Amino acid sequence: MEQLAPRTIEIANESIDRVRDRGKMDFIHDFAIPLPVIVIAEILGIPVERRADFKHWSDGIMESDRAAYQGMGDYFRELIKQRMGKPGHDLVSDLIAVHEGS
C-alpha cells in the first residue's frame, strides 16, 4: 500500500489542478468521488479513455444494475484476454501471472 501513496498524491494534485481555474471546487463531485475510481482504475490497468465507463459500471453495480454488472464483466473478460497476450504493469496482469504459475 505504501507504494501507492506517491501516485495517489499525484492523482489528488491533478484533481485539484483540473478545477483550479474555476476558483471553486465541489469537494465531493470534483475530488472525493473521482479519486478512488481513478486510483482503482490505475491499479487494475484500465486505460484513461475507459475510466468513465469504469465509473459508470461501478455506480450501476452499487445500485444493483444488471447491465452494469454485464458491462463490467464483458470489459474485464476482454482486458484479461489482452493481458494474457501482452502483460502490463498492473494488478490484472499480476493476477494472471499468479494464476498461470499455480
C-alpha atoms as a PDB file:
ATOM      1  CA  MET A   1       0.000   0.000   0.000  1.00  0.00           C
ATOM      2  CA  GLU A   2       2.877   2.369   0.693  1.00  0.00           C
ATOM      3  CA  GLN A   3       3.964   2.150  -2.925  1.00  0.00           C
ATOM      4  CA  LEU A   4       0.549   3.520  -3.958  1.00  0.00           C
ATOM      5  CA  ALA A   5       0.937   6.684  -1.861  1.00  0.00           C
ATOM      6  CA  PRO A   6       3.106   8.737  -4.273  1.00  0.00           C
ATOM      7  CA  ARG A   7       0.828   8.090  -7.265  1.00  0.00           C
ATOM      8  CA  THR A   8      -2.301   8.643  -5.173  1.00  0.00           C
ATOM      9  CA  ILE A   9      -0.954  12.023  -4.042  1.00  0.00           C
ATOM     10  CA  GLU A  10      -0.135  12.857  -7.667  1.00  0.00           C
ATOM     11  CA  ILE A  11      -3.685  11.953  -8.745  1.00  0.00           C
ATOM     12  CA  ALA A  12      -5.095  14.075  -5.907  1.00  0.00           C
ATOM     13  CA  ASN A  13      -2.994  17.031  -7.023  1.00  0.00           C
ATOM     14  CA  GLU A  14      -4.097  16.529 -10.644  1.00  0.00           C
ATOM     15  CA  SER A  15      -7.732  16.567  -9.490  1.00  0.00           C
ATOM     16  CA  ILE A  16      -7.185  19.877  -7.725  1.00  0.00           C
ATOM     17  CA  ASP A  17      -5.289  21.314 -10.700  1.00  0.00           C
ATOM     18  CA  ARG A  18      -8.210  20.484 -13.026  1.00  0.00           C
ATOM     19  CA  VAL A  19     -10.550  22.759 -11.074  1.00  0.00           C
ATOM     20  CA  ARG A  20      -8.059  25.437 -10.019  1.00  0.00           C
ATOM     21  CA  ASP A  21      -9.003  27.839 -12.848  1.00  0.00           C
ATOM     22  CA  ARG A  22     -12.663  27.734 -11.788  1.00  0.00           C
ATOM     23  CA  GLY A  23     -11.729  29.283  -8.458  1.00  0.00           C
ATOM     24  CA  LYS A  24     -14.008  26.913  -6.573  1.00  0.00           C
ATOM     25  CA  MET A  25     -14.378  23.208  -6.029  1.00  0.00           C
ATOM     26  CA  ASP A  26     -17.209  20.857  -5.167  1.00  0.00           C
ATOM     27  CA  PHE A  27     -15.217  18.587  -2.870  1.00  0.00           C
ATOM     28  CA  ILE A  28     -17.465  15.546  -3.269  1.00  0.00           C
ATOM     29  CA  HIS A  29     -18.058  15.819  -7.024  1.00  0.00           C
ATOM     30  CA  ASP A  30     -14.590  17.028  -8.056  1.00  0.00           C
ATOM     31  CA  PHE A  31     -12.418  15.130  -5.589  1.00  0.00           C
ATOM     32  CA  ALA A  32     -13.914  12.562  -3.204  1.00  0.00           C
ATOM     33  CA  ILE A  33     -15.845  10.573  -5.807  1.00  0.00           C
ATOM     34  CA  PRO A  34     -13.315  10.540  -8.686  1.00  0.00           C
ATOM     35  CA  LEU A  35     -10.177   9.907  -6.592  1.00  0.00           C
ATOM     36  CA  PRO A  36     -10.835   6.281  -5.559  1.00  0.00           C
ATOM     37  CA  VAL A  37     -12.193   5.443  -9.016  1.00  0.00           C
ATOM     38  CA  ILE A  38      -9.028   6.755 -10.689  1.00  0.00           C
ATOM     39  CA  VAL A  39      -6.715   5.018  -8.202  1.00  0.00           C
ATOM     40  CA  ILE A  40      -8.517   1.677  -8.541  1.00  0.00           C
ATOM     41  CA  ALA A  41      -8.606   2.015 -12.339  1.00  0.00           C
ATOM     42  CA  GLU A  42      -4.849   2.612 -12.397  1.00  0.00           C
ATOM     43  CA  ILE A  43      -4.185  -0.368 -10.117  1.00  0.00           C
ATOM     44  CA  LEU A  44      -6.240  -2.555 -12.453  1.00  0.00           C
ATOM     45  CA  GLY A  45      -4.594  -1.129 -15.571  1.00  0.00           C
ATOM     46  CA  ILE A  46      -7.749   0.397 -17.009  1.00  0.00           C
ATOM     47  CA  PRO A  47      -6.757   2.943 -19.662  1.00  0.00           C
ATOM     48  CA  VAL A  48      -7.689   6.599 -19.152  1.00  0.00           C
ATOM     49  CA  GLU A  49     -10.117   6.501 -22.077  1.00  0.00           C
ATOM     50  CA  ARG A  50     -12.162   3.740 -20.348  1.00  0.00           C
ATOM     51  CA  ARG A  51     -12.323   5.300 -16.859  1.00  0.00           C
ATOM     52  CA  ALA A  52     -15.683   6.955 -17.492  1.00  0.00           C
ATOM     53  CA  ASP A  53     -17.071   3.513 -18.389  1.00  0.00           C
ATOM     54  CA  PHE A  54     -15.496   2.032 -15.253  1.00  0.00           C
ATOM     55  CA  LYS A  55     -17.100   4.762 -13.117  1.00  0.00           C
ATOM     56  CA  HIS A  56     -20.469   4.219 -14.811  1.00  0.00           C
ATOM     57  CA  TRP A  57     -20.320   0.459 -14.199  1.00  0.00           C
ATOM     58  CA  SER A  58     -19.192   0.954 -10.602  1.00  0.00           C
ATOM     59  CA  ASP A  59     -22.086   3.325  -9.936  1.00  0.00           C
ATOM     60  CA  GLY A  60     -24.513   0.895 -11.552  1.00  0.00           C
ATOM     61  CA  ILE A  61     -23.224  -2.038  -9.543  1.00  0.00           C
ATOM     62  CA  MET A  62     -23.775  -0.054  -6.346  1.00  0.00           C
ATOM     63  CA  GLU A  63     -27.407   0.274  -7.472  1.00  0.00           C
ATOM     64  CA  SER A  64     -27.671  -3.434  -8.436  1.00  0.00           C
ATOM     65  CA  ASP A  65     -27.957  -2.582 -12.143  1.00  0.00           C
ATOM     66  CA  ARG A  66     -27.622  -5.848 -14.080  1.00  0.00           C
ATOM     67  CA  ALA A  67     -26.475  -4.019 -17.220  1.00  0.00           C
ATOM     68  CA  ALA A  68     -23.595  -2.518 -15.228  1.00  0.00           C
ATOM     69  CA  TYR A  69     -22.571  -5.972 -13.990  1.00  0.00           C
ATOM     70  CA  GLN A  70     -22.700  -7.232 -17.572  1.00  0.00           C
ATOM     71  CA  GLY A  71     -20.772  -4.253 -18.958  1.00  0.00           C
ATOM     72  CA  MET A  72     -18.019  -4.516 -16.373  1.00  0.00           C
ATOM     73  CA  GLY A  73     -17.848  -8.295 -16.757  1.00  0.00           C
ATOM     74  CA  ASP A  74     -17.553  -8.014 -20.540  1.00  0.00           C
ATOM     75  CA  TYR A  75     -14.865  -5.366 -20.192  1.00  0.00           C
ATOM     76  CA  PHE A  76     -12.779  -7.404 -17.753  1.00  0.00           C
ATOM     77  CA  ARG A  77     -13.061 -10.570 -19.847  1.00  0.00           C
ATOM     78  CA  GLU A  78     -11.644  -8.606 -22.791  1.00  0.00           C
ATOM     79  CA  LEU A  79      -8.973  -6.961 -20.607  1.00  0.00           C
ATOM     80  CA  ILE A  80      -7.891 -10.376 -19.298  1.00  0.00           C
ATOM     81  CA  LYS A  81      -7.575 -11.692 -22.867  1.00  0.00           C
ATOM     82  CA  GLN A  82      -5.447  -8.667 -23.775  1.00  0.00           C
ATOM     83  CA  ARG A  83      -3.233  -9.002 -20.701  1.00  0.00           C
ATOM     84  CA  MET A  84      -2.737 -12.726 -21.285  1.00  0.00           C
ATOM     85  CA  GLY A  85      -1.225 -11.866 -24.658  1.00  0.00           C
ATOM     86  CA  LYS A  86       0.582  -8.725 -23.573  1.00  0.00           C
ATOM     87  CA  PRO A  87       1.020  -8.319 -19.805  1.00  0.00           C
ATOM     88  CA  GLY A  88       1.219  -4.845 -18.333  1.00  0.00           C
ATOM     89  CA  HIS A  89       2.370  -3.444 -15.011  1.00  0.00           C
ATOM     90  CA  ASP A  90      -0.996  -3.735 -13.273  1.00  0.00           C
ATOM     91  CA  LEU A  91      -2.976  -5.902 -10.884  1.00  0.00           C
ATOM     92  CA  VAL A  92      -4.817  -7.770 -13.640  1.00  0.00           C
ATOM     93  CA  SER A  93      -1.510  -8.844 -15.221  1.00  0.00           C
ATOM     94  CA  ASP A  94      -0.127  -9.828 -11.809  1.00  0.00           C
ATOM     95  CA  LEU A  95      -3.200 -11.943 -11.021  1.00  0.00           C
ATOM     96  CA  ILE A  96      -2.940 -13.702 -14.384  1.00  0.00           C
ATOM     97  CA  ALA A  97       0.742 -14.449 -13.763  1.00  0.00           C
ATOM     98  CA  VAL A  98      -0.023 -15.914 -10.327  1.00  0.00           C
ATOM     99  CA  HIS A  99      -2.882 -17.988 -11.740  1.00  0.00           C
ATOM    100  CA  GLU A 100      -0.787 -19.294 -14.627  1.00  0.00           C
ATOM    101  CA  GLY A 101       2.046 -20.126 -12.222  1.00  0.00           C
ATOM    102  CA  SER A 102      -0.160 -22.220  -9.938  1.00  0.00           C
END
